[in-house]
PDB file of all heavy atoms in Angstrom:
ATOM      1  N   PRO A   1     -12.437  46.295  94.447  1.00  0.00           N
ATOM      2  CA  PRO A   1     -12.312  45.140  95.355  1.00  0.00           C
ATOM      3  C   PRO A   1     -13.567  44.257  95.276  1.00  0.00           C
ATOM      4  O   PRO A   1     -14.690  44.756  95.294  1.00  0.00           O
ATOM      5  CB  PRO A   1     -12.171  45.791  96.729  1.00  0.00           C
ATOM      6  CG  PRO A   1     -12.933  47.079  96.604  1.00  0.00           C
ATOM      7  CD  PRO A   1     -12.844  47.517  95.155  1.00  0.00           C
ATOM      8  N   VAL A   2     -13.353  42.957  95.200  1.00  0.00           N
ATOM      9  CA  VAL A   2     -14.463  42.003  95.139  1.00  0.00           C
ATOM     10  C   VAL A   2     -14.254  40.965  96.239  1.00  0.00           C
ATOM     11  O   VAL A   2     -13.253  40.237  96.240  1.00  0.00           O
ATOM     12  CB  VAL A   2     -14.534  41.307  93.763  1.00  0.00           C
ATOM     13  CG1 VAL A   2     -15.657  40.280  93.754  1.00  0.00           C
ATOM     14  CG2 VAL A   2     -14.744  42.334  92.654  1.00  0.00           C
ATOM     15  N   ALA A   3     -15.181  40.888  97.180  1.00  0.00           N
ATOM     16  CA  ALA A   3     -15.095  39.907  98.270  1.00  0.00           C
ATOM     17  C   ALA A   3     -15.581  38.546  97.792  1.00  0.00           C
ATOM     18  O   ALA A   3     -16.578  38.447  97.080  1.00  0.00           O
ATOM     19  CB  ALA A   3     -15.928  40.369  99.462  1.00  0.00           C
ATOM     20  N   LEU A   4     -14.873  37.505  98.181  1.00  0.00           N
ATOM     21  CA  LEU A   4     -15.260  36.137  97.831  1.00  0.00           C
ATOM     22  C   LEU A   4     -16.183  35.607  98.924  1.00  0.00           C
ATOM     23  O   LEU A   4     -15.736  35.229 100.014  1.00  0.00           O
ATOM     24  CB  LEU A   4     -14.014  35.253  97.682  1.00  0.00           C
ATOM     25  CG  LEU A   4     -13.025  35.689  96.598  1.00  0.00           C
ATOM     26  CD1 LEU A   4     -11.828  34.743  96.558  1.00  0.00           C
ATOM     27  CD2 LEU A   4     -13.708  35.769  95.252  1.00  0.00           C
ATOM     28  N   THR A   5     -17.458  35.593  98.655  1.00  0.00           N
ATOM     29  CA  THR A   5     -18.461  35.174  99.639  1.00  0.00           C
ATOM     30  C   THR A   5     -19.181  33.897  99.244  1.00  0.00           C
ATOM     31  O   THR A   5     -20.008  33.404 100.005  1.00  0.00           O
ATOM     32  CB  THR A   5     -19.507  36.290  99.834  1.00  0.00           C
ATOM     33  OG1 THR A   5     -20.143  36.565  98.577  1.00  0.00           O
ATOM     34  CG2 THR A   5     -18.847  37.559 100.349  1.00  0.00           C
ATOM     35  N   GLU A   6     -18.892  33.357  98.040  1.00  0.00           N
ATOM     36  CA  GLU A   6     -19.554  32.155  97.554  1.00  0.00           C
ATOM     37  C   GLU A   6     -18.549  31.009  97.492  1.00  0.00           C
ATOM     38  O   GLU A   6     -17.553  31.083  96.766  1.00  0.00           O
ATOM     39  CB  GLU A   6     -20.169  32.385  96.172  1.00  0.00           C
ATOM     40  CG  GLU A   6     -21.281  33.417  96.141  1.00  0.00           C
ATOM     41  CD  GLU A   6     -22.554  32.905  96.798  1.00  0.00           C
ATOM     42  OE1 GLU A   6     -22.666  31.671  96.973  1.00  0.00           O
ATOM     43  OE2 GLU A   6     -23.429  33.722  97.104  1.00  0.00           O
ATOM     44  N   GLU A   7     -18.814  29.958  98.270  1.00  0.00           N
ATOM     45  CA  GLU A   7     -17.936  28.792  98.244  1.00  0.00           C
ATOM     46  C   GLU A   7     -18.191  27.990  96.975  1.00  0.00           C
ATOM     47  O   GLU A   7     -19.319  27.844  96.532  1.00  0.00           O
ATOM     48  CB  GLU A   7     -18.177  27.936  99.479  1.00  0.00           C
ATOM     49  CG  GLU A   7     -17.190  26.792  99.659  1.00  0.00           C
ATOM     50  CD  GLU A   7     -17.379  26.059 100.969  1.00  0.00           C
ATOM     51  OE1 GLU A   7     -18.257  26.479 101.758  1.00  0.00           O
ATOM     52  OE2 GLU A   7     -16.660  25.064 101.202  1.00  0.00           O
ATOM     53  N   GLY A   8     -17.119  27.455  96.392  1.00  0.00           N
ATOM     54  CA  GLY A   8     -17.244  26.678  95.164  1.00  0.00           C
ATOM     55  C   GLY A   8     -16.673  27.433  93.982  1.00  0.00           C
ATOM     56  O   GLY A   8     -15.795  28.296  94.121  1.00  0.00           O
ATOM     57  N   VAL A   9     -17.160  27.125  92.786  1.00  0.00           N
ATOM     58  CA  VAL A   9     -16.626  27.700  91.547  1.00  0.00           C
ATOM     59  C   VAL A   9     -17.219  29.085  91.310  1.00  0.00           C
ATOM     60  O   VAL A   9     -18.439  29.267  91.387  1.00  0.00           O
ATOM     61  CB  VAL A   9     -16.916  26.789  90.351  1.00  0.00           C
ATOM     62  CG1 VAL A   9     -16.346  27.389  89.069  1.00  0.00           C
ATOM     63  CG2 VAL A   9     -16.328  25.396  90.578  1.00  0.00           C
ATOM     64  N   ASN A  10     -16.354  30.068  91.069  1.00  0.00           N
ATOM     65  CA  ASN A  10     -16.740  31.435  90.728  1.00  0.00           C
ATOM     66  C   ASN A  10     -16.081  31.801  89.405  1.00  0.00           C
ATOM     67  O   ASN A  10     -14.938  31.427  89.146  1.00  0.00           O
ATOM     68  CB  ASN A  10     -16.291  32.422  91.803  1.00  0.00           C
ATOM     69  CG  ASN A  10     -17.069  32.295  93.106  1.00  0.00           C
ATOM     70  OD1 ASN A  10     -17.733  33.210  93.540  1.00  0.00           O
ATOM     71  ND2 ASN A  10     -16.992  31.134  93.759  1.00  0.00           N
ATOM     72  N   TYR A  11     -16.820  32.560  88.575  1.00  0.00           N
ATOM     73  CA  TYR A  11     -16.312  32.974  87.273  1.00  0.00           C
ATOM     74  C   TYR A  11     -16.241  34.495  87.212  1.00  0.00           C
ATOM     75  O   TYR A  11     -17.144  35.187  87.708  1.00  0.00           O
ATOM     76  CB  TYR A  11     -17.214  32.470  86.145  1.00  0.00           C
ATOM     77  CG  TYR A  11     -17.470  30.974  86.153  1.00  0.00           C
ATOM     78  CD1 TYR A  11     -18.592  30.450  86.799  1.00  0.00           C
ATOM     79  CD2 TYR A  11     -16.602  30.090  85.522  1.00  0.00           C
ATOM     80  CE1 TYR A  11     -18.835  29.090  86.804  1.00  0.00           C
ATOM     81  CE2 TYR A  11     -16.843  28.727  85.518  1.00  0.00           C
ATOM     82  CZ  TYR A  11     -17.962  28.229  86.165  1.00  0.00           C
ATOM     83  OH  TYR A  11     -18.204  26.878  86.165  1.00  0.00           O
ATOM     84  N   PHE A  12     -15.193  35.006  86.558  1.00  0.00           N
ATOM     85  CA  PHE A  12     -15.020  36.442  86.395  1.00  0.00           C
ATOM     86  C   PHE A  12     -14.642  36.732  84.947  1.00  0.00           C
ATOM     87  O   PHE A  12     -13.859  35.998  84.340  1.00  0.00           O
ATOM     88  CB  PHE A  12     -13.931  36.972  87.338  1.00  0.00           C
ATOM     89  CG  PHE A  12     -14.281  36.843  88.797  1.00  0.00           C
ATOM     90  CD1 PHE A  12     -13.990  35.681  89.495  1.00  0.00           C
ATOM     91  CD2 PHE A  12     -14.909  37.880  89.467  1.00  0.00           C
ATOM     92  CE1 PHE A  12     -14.318  35.558  90.828  1.00  0.00           C
ATOM     93  CE2 PHE A  12     -15.237  37.762  90.805  1.00  0.00           C
ATOM     94  CZ  PHE A  12     -14.950  36.601  91.487  1.00  0.00           C
ATOM     95  N   PHE A  13     -15.178  37.827  84.408  1.00  0.00           N
ATOM     96  CA  PHE A  13     -14.827  38.210  83.039  1.00  0.00           C
ATOM     97  C   PHE A  13     -15.170  39.673  82.831  1.00  0.00           C
ATOM     98  O   PHE A  13     -15.824  40.323  83.656  1.00  0.00           O
ATOM     99  CB  PHE A  13     -15.547  37.325  82.014  1.00  0.00           C
ATOM    100  CG  PHE A  13     -17.048  37.454  81.996  1.00  0.00           C
ATOM    101  CD1 PHE A  13     -17.685  38.313  81.114  1.00  0.00           C
ATOM    102  CD2 PHE A  13     -17.836  36.695  82.860  1.00  0.00           C
ATOM    103  CE1 PHE A  13     -19.068  38.420  81.085  1.00  0.00           C
ATOM    104  CE2 PHE A  13     -19.215  36.787  82.841  1.00  0.00           C
ATOM    105  CZ  PHE A  13     -19.835  37.660  81.956  1.00  0.00           C
ATOM    106  N   SER A  14     -14.701  40.201  81.702  1.00  0.00           N
ATOM    107  CA  SER A  14     -15.013  41.563  81.288  1.00  0.00           C
ATOM    108  C   SER A  14     -15.988  41.487  80.126  1.00  0.00           C
ATOM    109  O   SER A  14     -15.767  40.766  79.160  1.00  0.00           O
ATOM    110  CB  SER A  14     -13.743  42.296  80.856  1.00  0.00           C
ATOM    111  OG  SER A  14     -14.071  43.568  80.309  1.00  0.00           O
ATOM    112  N   ALA A  15     -17.069  42.248  80.229  1.00  0.00           N
ATOM    113  CA  ALA A  15     -18.092  42.243  79.185  1.00  0.00           C
ATOM    114  C   ALA A  15     -17.966  43.433  78.256  1.00  0.00           C
ATOM    115  O   ALA A  15     -18.884  43.711  77.479  1.00  0.00           O
ATOM    116  CB  ALA A  15     -19.486  42.224  79.815  1.00  0.00           C
ATOM    117  N   ALA A  16     -16.848  44.146  78.329  1.00  0.00           N
ATOM    118  CA  ALA A  16     -16.669  45.313  77.469  1.00  0.00           C
ATOM    119  C   ALA A  16     -16.617  44.895  76.006  1.00  0.00           C
ATOM    120  O   ALA A  16     -16.266  43.748  75.679  1.00  0.00           O
ATOM    121  CB  ALA A  16     -15.397  46.052  77.854  1.00  0.00           C
ATOM    122  N   ASP A  17     -16.983  45.816  75.129  1.00  0.00           N
ATOM    123  CA  ASP A  17     -17.022  45.575  73.681  1.00  0.00           C
ATOM    124  C   ASP A  17     -17.935  44.409  73.338  1.00  0.00           C
ATOM    125  O   ASP A  17     -17.639  43.595  72.458  1.00  0.00           O
ATOM    126  CB  ASP A  17     -15.616  45.308  73.128  1.00  0.00           C
ATOM    127  CG  ASP A  17     -14.692  46.499  73.305  1.00  0.00           C
ATOM    128  OD1 ASP A  17     -15.209  47.632  73.372  1.00  0.00           O
ATOM    129  OD2 ASP A  17     -13.465  46.291  73.406  1.00  0.00           O
ATOM    130  N   GLY A  18     -19.069  44.320  74.034  1.00  0.00           N
ATOM    131  CA  GLY A  18     -20.029  43.267  73.727  1.00  0.00           C
ATOM    132  C   GLY A  18     -19.536  41.866  74.011  1.00  0.00           C
ATOM    133  O   GLY A  18     -20.001  40.897  73.393  1.00  0.00           O
ATOM    134  N   GLY A  19     -18.606  41.726  74.961  1.00  0.00           N
ATOM    135  CA  GLY A  19     -18.064  40.411  75.294  1.00  0.00           C
ATOM    136  C   GLY A  19     -16.847  40.035  74.490  1.00  0.00           C
ATOM    137  O   GLY A  19     -16.293  38.935  74.684  1.00  0.00           O
ATOM    138  N   ALA A  20     -16.376  40.913  73.601  1.00  0.00           N
ATOM    139  CA  ALA A  20     -15.207  40.593  72.778  1.00  0.00           C
ATOM    140  C   ALA A  20     -13.955  40.424  73.625  1.00  0.00           C
ATOM    141  O   ALA A  20     -13.124  39.548  73.357  1.00  0.00           O
ATOM    142  CB  ALA A  20     -15.001  41.685  71.731  1.00  0.00           C
ATOM    143  N   GLN A  21     -13.795  41.250  74.667  1.00  0.00           N
ATOM    144  CA  GLN A  21     -12.621  41.111  75.533  1.00  0.00           C
ATOM    145  C   GLN A  21     -12.619  39.754  76.233  1.00  0.00           C
ATOM    146  O   GLN A  21     -11.585  39.093  76.351  1.00  0.00           O
ATOM    147  CB  GLN A  21     -12.606  42.240  76.560  1.00  0.00           C
ATOM    148  CG  GLN A  21     -12.343  43.610  75.970  1.00  0.00           C
ATOM    149  CD  GLN A  21     -12.229  44.669  77.045  1.00  0.00           C
ATOM    150  OE1 GLN A  21     -12.431  44.392  78.238  1.00  0.00           O
ATOM    151  NE2 GLN A  21     -11.904  45.884  76.644  1.00  0.00           N
ATOM    152  N   CYS A  22     -13.779  39.339  76.700  1.00  0.00           N
ATOM    153  CA  CYS A  22     -13.893  38.042  77.373  1.00  0.00           C
ATOM    154  C   CYS A  22     -13.518  36.902  76.431  1.00  0.00           C
ATOM    155  O   CYS A  22     -12.780  35.987  76.792  1.00  0.00           O
ATOM    156  CB  CYS A  22     -15.311  37.869  77.912  1.00  0.00           C
ATOM    157  SG  CYS A  22     -15.684  36.234  78.586  1.00  0.00           S
ATOM    158  N   LEU A  23     -14.009  36.953  75.207  1.00  0.00           N
ATOM    159  CA  LEU A  23     -13.725  35.894  74.237  1.00  0.00           C
ATOM    160  C   LEU A  23     -12.244  35.838  73.871  1.00  0.00           C
ATOM    161  O   LEU A  23     -11.747  34.792  73.439  1.00  0.00           O
ATOM    162  CB  LEU A  23     -14.560  36.101  72.976  1.00  0.00           C
ATOM    163  CG  LEU A  23     -16.078  35.925  73.145  1.00  0.00           C
ATOM    164  CD1 LEU A  23     -16.811  36.333  71.881  1.00  0.00           C
ATOM    165  CD2 LEU A  23     -16.419  34.483  73.527  1.00  0.00           C
ATOM    166  N   GLN A  24     -11.530  36.932  74.052  1.00  0.00           N
ATOM    167  CA  GLN A  24     -10.106  36.978  73.738  1.00  0.00           C
ATOM    168  C   GLN A  24      -9.220  36.764  74.967  1.00  0.00           C
ATOM    169  O   GLN A  24      -8.037  37.106  74.942  1.00  0.00           O
ATOM    170  CB  GLN A  24      -9.776  38.315  73.073  1.00  0.00           C
ATOM    171  CG  GLN A  24     -10.431  38.525  71.720  1.00  0.00           C
ATOM    172  CD  GLN A  24     -10.037  37.455  70.709  1.00  0.00           C
ATOM    173  OE1 GLN A  24      -8.899  37.002  70.672  1.00  0.00           O
ATOM    174  NE2 GLN A  24     -11.002  37.033  69.895  1.00  0.00           N
ATOM    175  N   GLY A  25      -9.780  36.216  76.018  1.00  0.00           N
ATOM    176  CA  GLY A  25      -8.946  35.800  77.147  1.00  0.00           C
ATOM    177  C   GLY A  25      -9.080  36.597  78.414  1.00  0.00           C
ATOM    178  O   GLY A  25      -8.406  36.281  79.409  1.00  0.00           O
ATOM    179  N   MET A  26      -9.907  37.625  78.431  1.00  0.00           N
ATOM    180  CA  MET A  26     -10.025  38.433  79.644  1.00  0.00           C
ATOM    181  C   MET A  26     -11.086  37.823  80.564  1.00  0.00           C
ATOM    182  O   MET A  26     -12.148  38.404  80.814  1.00  0.00           O
ATOM    183  CB  MET A  26     -10.381  39.871  79.298  1.00  0.00           C
ATOM    184  CG  MET A  26      -9.985  40.857  80.396  1.00  0.00           C
ATOM    185  SD  MET A  26      -9.958  42.537  79.766  1.00  0.00           S
ATOM    186  CE  MET A  26      -9.520  43.421  81.261  1.00  0.00           C
ATOM    187  N   ARG A  27     -10.778  36.660  81.076  1.00  0.00           N
ATOM    188  CA  ARG A  27     -11.674  35.938  81.979  1.00  0.00           C
ATOM    189  C   ARG A  27     -10.872  34.874  82.709  1.00  0.00           C
ATOM    190  O   ARG A  27      -9.791  34.461  82.276  1.00  0.00           O
ATOM    191  CB  ARG A  27     -12.821  35.296  81.209  1.00  0.00           C
ATOM    192  CG  ARG A  27     -12.375  34.311  80.137  1.00  0.00           C
ATOM    193  CD  ARG A  27     -13.558  33.710  79.414  1.00  0.00           C
ATOM    194  NE  ARG A  27     -13.165  32.870  78.289  1.00  0.00           N
ATOM    195  CZ  ARG A  27     -14.030  32.191  77.542  1.00  0.00           C
ATOM    196  NH1 ARG A  27     -15.326  32.247  77.809  1.00  0.00           N
ATOM    197  NH2 ARG A  27     -13.601  31.460  76.532  1.00  0.00           N
ATOM    198  N   PHE A  28     -11.424  34.391  83.831  1.00  0.00           N
ATOM    199  CA  PHE A  28     -10.799  33.300  84.580  1.00  0.00           C
ATOM    200  C   PHE A  28     -11.826  32.726  85.537  1.00  0.00           C
ATOM    201  O   PHE A  28     -12.818  33.362  85.876  1.00  0.00           O
ATOM    202  CB  PHE A  28      -9.551  33.779  85.346  1.00  0.00           C
ATOM    203  CG  PHE A  28      -9.830  34.823  86.399  1.00  0.00           C
ATOM    204  CD1 PHE A  28     -10.055  34.475  87.724  1.00  0.00           C
ATOM    205  CD2 PHE A  28      -9.864  36.174  86.050  1.00  0.00           C
ATOM    206  CE1 PHE A  28     -10.318  35.433  88.686  1.00  0.00           C
ATOM    207  CE2 PHE A  28     -10.123  37.148  87.015  1.00  0.00           C
ATOM    208  CZ  PHE A  28     -10.342  36.786  88.327  1.00  0.00           C
ATOM    209  N   ARG A  29     -11.568  31.510  85.966  1.00  0.00           N
ATOM    210  CA  ARG A  29     -12.428  30.839  86.945  1.00  0.00           C
ATOM    211  C   ARG A  29     -11.579  30.433  88.133  1.00  0.00           C
ATOM    212  O   ARG A  29     -10.381  30.138  88.004  1.00  0.00           O
ATOM    213  CB  ARG A  29     -13.101  29.607  86.344  1.00  0.00           C
ATOM    214  CG  ARG A  29     -12.153  28.587  85.753  1.00  0.00           C
ATOM    215  CD  ARG A  29     -12.830  27.272  85.442  1.00  0.00           C
ATOM    216  NE  ARG A  29     -13.081  26.522  86.677  1.00  0.00           N
ATOM    217  CZ  ARG A  29     -13.736  25.358  86.713  1.00  0.00           C
ATOM    218  NH1 ARG A  29     -14.224  24.839  85.600  1.00  0.00           N
ATOM    219  NH2 ARG A  29     -13.911  24.734  87.847  1.00  0.00           N
ATOM    220  N   ILE A  30     -12.186  30.420  89.306  1.00  0.00           N
ATOM    221  CA  ILE A  30     -11.497  30.022  90.530  1.00  0.00           C
ATOM    222  C   ILE A  30     -12.411  29.099  91.338  1.00  0.00           C
ATOM    223  O   ILE A  30     -13.621  29.084  91.144  1.00  0.00           O
ATOM    224  CB  ILE A  30     -11.098  31.241  91.389  1.00  0.00           C
ATOM    225  CG1 ILE A  30     -12.346  32.000  91.844  1.00  0.00           C
ATOM    226  CG2 ILE A  30     -10.157  32.147  90.635  1.00  0.00           C
ATOM    227  CD1 ILE A  30     -12.054  33.144  92.807  1.00  0.00           C
ATOM    228  N   THR A  31     -11.806  28.344  92.235  1.00  0.00           N
ATOM    229  CA  THR A  31     -12.549  27.513  93.186  1.00  0.00           C
ATOM    230  C   THR A  31     -12.273  28.043  94.582  1.00  0.00           C
ATOM    231  O   THR A  31     -11.127  28.056  95.038  1.00  0.00           O
ATOM    232  CB  THR A  31     -12.132  26.042  93.077  1.00  0.00           C
ATOM    233  OG1 THR A  31     -12.385  25.568  91.745  1.00  0.00           O
ATOM    234  CG2 THR A  31     -12.927  25.188  94.065  1.00  0.00           C
ATOM    235  N   VAL A  32     -13.323  28.469  95.242  1.00  0.00           N
ATOM    236  CA  VAL A  32     -13.207  29.086  96.572  1.00  0.00           C
ATOM    237  C   VAL A  32     -13.461  28.022  97.629  1.00  0.00           C
ATOM    238  O   VAL A  32     -14.531  27.407  97.657  1.00  0.00           O
ATOM    239  CB  VAL A  32     -14.193  30.261  96.722  1.00  0.00           C
ATOM    240  CG1 VAL A  32     -14.056  30.900  98.097  1.00  0.00           C
ATOM    241  CG2 VAL A  32     -13.963  31.297  95.624  1.00  0.00           C
TER     242      VAL A  32
END
């Protein structure tokens, strides 16, 4: 569970495999 405590743009991603998962789409951004 991750609480959203920062208003504005937040970024989330997976850094597994040296960031390879993130580069292949395992990431997203939201506006809180």
